[in-house]
Amino acid sequence: MRHAILGAGGVGGLIGAVLAKSGDAVTLLLRPEALNDYPPELSLESPLGQFTVPVDRAAEVAQPYDVLWITVKATQLESALRCIVVQPEWLGAIVPLLNGIDHVALLRSRFGHERVVPATIAVESERVSPGKIIHRSPSARLSVSLIGQARLASTIEKLRQFGFTCHFDADEQKILWSKLAFLG
């Protein structure tokens, strides 16, 4: 599988590191000014494992990917999406891991309803420096809309094997609102 991570912070870095460790190809999408200073690997310290894995880096999505993970802050979403210069059909699934609910409609208007797979993650993870991720909580819990089950089953299984708790849920509103209620 080929994954692009838009937002190489604590959450994006954690997802990218775990998927790269599982053998998948991972590309971190970075601002052009950050591209040269970002290392070509991700280093993860976690109660679930410690390792360093190579990743690709790019300033834009200019080729097909099986999964585009969007892990930027909601306030940065509009500007971050400018780096996606491919046709929507070049992206298999788009999985936003943002707090809130408004981003789903925005992404679906741009990429299509079936391609956007709402999801939430509950985890304590931080990028302490470029390429260095510390996952402090003893777990990571990922809730994913059932709409993505066919496209994401093998990816979700890789995250489970690493130690994530993952489940698919048919109720997208419940997935998104539960995270907001928890944060509130």
Protein backbone atom coordinates (compact mmCIF):
# COMPACT_ATOMS: atom_id res chain seq x y z
CA MET A 1 0.00 0.00 0.00
CA ARG A 2 1.07 3.58 -0.68
CA HIS A 3 0.19 6.15 1.99
CA ALA A 4 0.54 9.94 1.95
CA ILE A 5 0.43 11.78 5.28
CA LEU A 6 -0.69 15.43 5.14
CA GLY A 7 0.39 16.72 8.55
CA ALA A 8 3.59 15.17 9.86
CA GLY A 9 2.96 16.01 13.52
CA GLY A 10 2.28 13.69 16.44
CA VAL A 11 -0.69 11.85 14.92
CA GLY A 12 0.50 11.83 11.30
CA GLY A 13 4.00 10.84 12.35
CA LEU A 14 2.69 7.99 14.49
CA ILE A 15 0.47 6.63 11.71
CA GLY A 16 3.27 7.03 9.16
CA ALA A 17 5.89 5.34 11.33
CA VAL A 18 3.68 2.34 12.11
CA LEU A 19 2.65 1.85 8.47
CA ALA A 20 6.23 2.23 7.21
CA LYS A 21 7.37 -0.31 9.84
CA SER A 22 4.72 -2.72 8.51
CA GLY A 23 6.28 -2.51 5.04
CA ASP A 24 3.98 0.01 3.37
CA ALA A 25 5.34 2.97 1.39
CA VAL A 26 4.83 6.26 3.28
CA THR A 27 5.26 9.79 1.95
CA LEU A 28 5.16 12.75 4.32
CA LEU A 29 3.65 15.86 2.73
CA LEU A 30 5.55 18.88 4.00
CA ARG A 31 5.53 22.61 3.42
CA PRO A 32 8.10 23.46 0.71
CA GLU A 33 10.15 25.48 3.21
CA ALA A 34 10.34 22.47 5.59
CA LEU A 35 11.15 19.84 2.97
CA ASN A 36 14.96 20.16 2.94
CA ASP A 37 15.28 20.20 6.74
CA TYR A 38 13.05 17.20 7.41
CA PRO A 39 14.94 13.89 7.83
CA PRO A 40 14.22 10.99 5.44
CA GLU A 41 13.05 8.80 8.33
CA LEU A 42 10.64 8.72 11.22
CA SER A 43 11.79 7.73 14.68
CA LEU A 44 9.14 6.48 17.09
CA GLU A 45 9.35 6.03 20.87
CA SER A 46 6.25 4.28 22.13
CA PRO A 47 5.18 1.85 24.85
CA LEU A 48 4.28 -0.34 21.86
CA GLY A 49 7.78 -0.25 20.31
CA GLN A 50 10.78 1.88 19.40
CA PHE A 51 12.26 2.09 15.91
CA THR A 52 13.36 4.28 13.02
CA VAL A 53 12.01 3.75 9.50
CA PRO A 54 12.69 5.42 6.15
CA VAL A 55 9.95 7.54 4.58
CA ASP A 56 9.65 9.63 1.45
CA ARG A 57 9.03 13.37 1.61
CA ALA A 58 7.23 15.61 -0.86
CA ALA A 59 5.73 19.08 -1.07
CA GLU A 60 2.67 17.97 -3.02
CA VAL A 61 0.52 14.99 -3.90
CA ALA A 62 1.49 14.51 -7.53
CA GLN A 63 1.05 10.75 -7.89
CA PRO A 64 -1.52 8.09 -6.92
CA TYR A 65 -1.84 6.91 -3.31
CA ASP A 66 -4.00 4.18 -1.84
CA VAL A 67 -4.65 6.27 1.29
CA LEU A 68 -4.27 9.97 2.02
CA TRP A 69 -4.25 10.57 5.78
CA ILE A 70 -5.11 14.15 6.71
CA THR A 71 -3.79 14.98 10.16
CA VAL A 72 -3.36 18.76 10.07
CA LYS A 73 -5.14 21.05 12.52
CA ALA A 74 -8.65 21.95 11.32
CA THR A 75 -7.64 25.61 11.03
CA GLN A 76 -4.89 24.62 8.56
CA LEU A 77 -7.00 22.34 6.39
CA GLU A 78 -7.88 24.75 3.56
CA SER A 79 -4.30 25.88 3.01
CA ALA A 80 -2.91 22.34 3.40
CA LEU A 81 -5.20 21.00 0.68
CA ARG A 82 -3.44 23.21 -1.88
CA CYS A 83 -0.65 20.63 -2.06
CA ILE A 84 -3.00 18.07 -3.64
CA VAL A 85 -2.57 18.55 -7.37
CA VAL A 86 -3.84 15.17 -8.61
CA GLN A 87 -7.27 14.18 -9.78
CA PRO A 88 -9.46 12.84 -6.93
CA GLU A 89 -9.61 9.39 -8.54
CA TRP A 90 -5.84 9.04 -7.96
CA LEU A 91 -6.56 8.78 -4.25
CA GLY A 92 -8.09 5.52 -3.03
CA ALA A 93 -9.30 6.65 0.38
CA ILE A 94 -9.00 9.96 2.19
CA VAL A 95 -8.96 9.53 5.97
CA PRO A 96 -9.19 12.78 7.96
CA LEU A 97 -8.18 12.55 11.61
CA LEU A 98 -9.23 16.08 12.58
CA ASN A 99 -11.23 17.19 15.58
CA GLY A 100 -14.66 18.54 14.65
CA ILE A 101 -17.25 17.69 12.02
CA ASP A 102 -17.20 20.43 9.38
CA HIS A 103 -14.16 19.07 7.56
CA VAL A 104 -16.05 16.00 6.30
CA ALA A 105 -18.46 18.04 4.14
CA LEU A 106 -15.60 20.15 2.80
CA LEU A 107 -13.53 17.09 1.86
CA ARG A 108 -16.49 15.26 0.31
CA SER A 109 -17.36 18.28 -1.82
CA ARG A 110 -13.83 18.24 -3.17
CA PHE A 111 -13.05 14.50 -3.43
CA GLY A 112 -16.44 12.73 -3.50
CA HIS A 113 -18.59 11.11 -0.84
CA GLU A 114 -17.38 7.52 -1.10
CA ARG A 115 -13.68 8.40 -1.14
CA VAL A 116 -13.70 10.35 2.17
CA VAL A 117 -13.69 8.04 5.21
CA PRO A 118 -14.42 9.93 8.45
CA ALA A 119 -12.34 8.71 11.38
CA THR A 120 -11.11 9.76 14.80
CA ILE A 121 -8.12 8.82 16.89
CA ALA A 122 -7.66 8.95 20.65
CA VAL A 123 -3.95 9.02 21.43
CA GLU A 124 -1.30 11.03 23.22
CA SER A 125 1.40 11.53 20.61
CA GLU A 126 3.76 14.42 19.91
CA ARG A 127 6.32 15.40 17.31
CA VAL A 128 9.17 16.64 19.48
CA SER A 129 11.40 17.51 16.51
CA PRO A 130 11.24 16.89 12.77
CA GLY A 131 10.99 13.14 12.27
CA LYS A 132 10.93 12.29 15.99
CA ILE A 133 7.60 11.12 17.41
CA ILE A 134 6.89 10.22 21.01
CA HIS A 135 3.74 8.22 21.71
CA ARG A 136 3.18 8.51 25.45
CA SER A 137 -0.16 6.81 26.05
CA PRO A 138 -0.22 3.04 26.43
CA SER A 139 -2.74 2.78 23.62
CA ALA A 140 -4.13 4.33 20.47
CA ARG A 141 -7.82 3.99 19.62
CA LEU A 142 -8.95 4.48 16.01
CA SER A 143 -12.62 4.67 15.01
CA VAL A 144 -13.27 4.52 11.26
CA SER A 145 -16.46 4.87 9.23
CA LEU A 146 -17.74 1.59 7.83
CA ILE A 147 -17.72 3.24 4.39
CA GLY A 148 -13.96 2.60 4.32
CA GLN A 149 -13.92 -1.03 5.36
CA ALA A 150 -13.24 -2.47 1.89
CA ARG A 151 -10.44 -0.01 1.12
CA LEU A 152 -8.84 0.09 4.56
CA ALA A 153 -9.20 -3.42 6.00
CA SER A 154 -5.56 -4.43 5.45
CA THR A 155 -4.27 -1.08 6.73
CA ILE A 156 -6.42 -1.26 9.85
CA GLU A 157 -5.14 -4.79 10.46
CA LYS A 158 -1.53 -3.52 10.34
CA LEU A 159 -2.37 -0.85 12.93
CA ARG A 160 -4.03 -3.52 15.11
CA GLN A 161 -0.98 -5.75 14.88
CA PHE A 162 1.13 -2.88 16.20
CA GLY A 163 -1.20 -2.48 19.18
CA PHE A 164 -3.86 0.03 18.12
CA THR A 165 -7.46 -0.63 19.08
CA CYS A 166 -9.43 -0.16 15.87
CA HIS A 167 -13.02 -0.57 14.87
CA PHE A 168 -15.32 0.25 11.98
CA ASP A 169 -18.63 1.95 12.80
CA ALA A 170 -21.61 2.61 10.53
CA ASP A 171 -22.63 5.76 12.42
CA GLU A 172 -20.31 8.54 11.18
CA GLN A 173 -21.96 11.20 13.31
CA LYS A 174 -21.40 9.10 16.43
CA ILE A 175 -17.72 8.69 15.54
CA LEU A 176 -17.20 12.43 15.12
CA TRP A 177 -19.43 13.66 17.96
CA SER A 178 -18.02 11.16 20.49
CA LYS A 179 -14.56 12.64 19.97
CA LEU A 180 -15.92 16.18 20.37
CA ALA A 181 -17.83 15.20 23.52
CA PHE A 182 -14.71 13.58 24.96
CA LEU A 183 -12.61 16.66 24.22
CA GLY A 184 -15.32 18.90 25.70
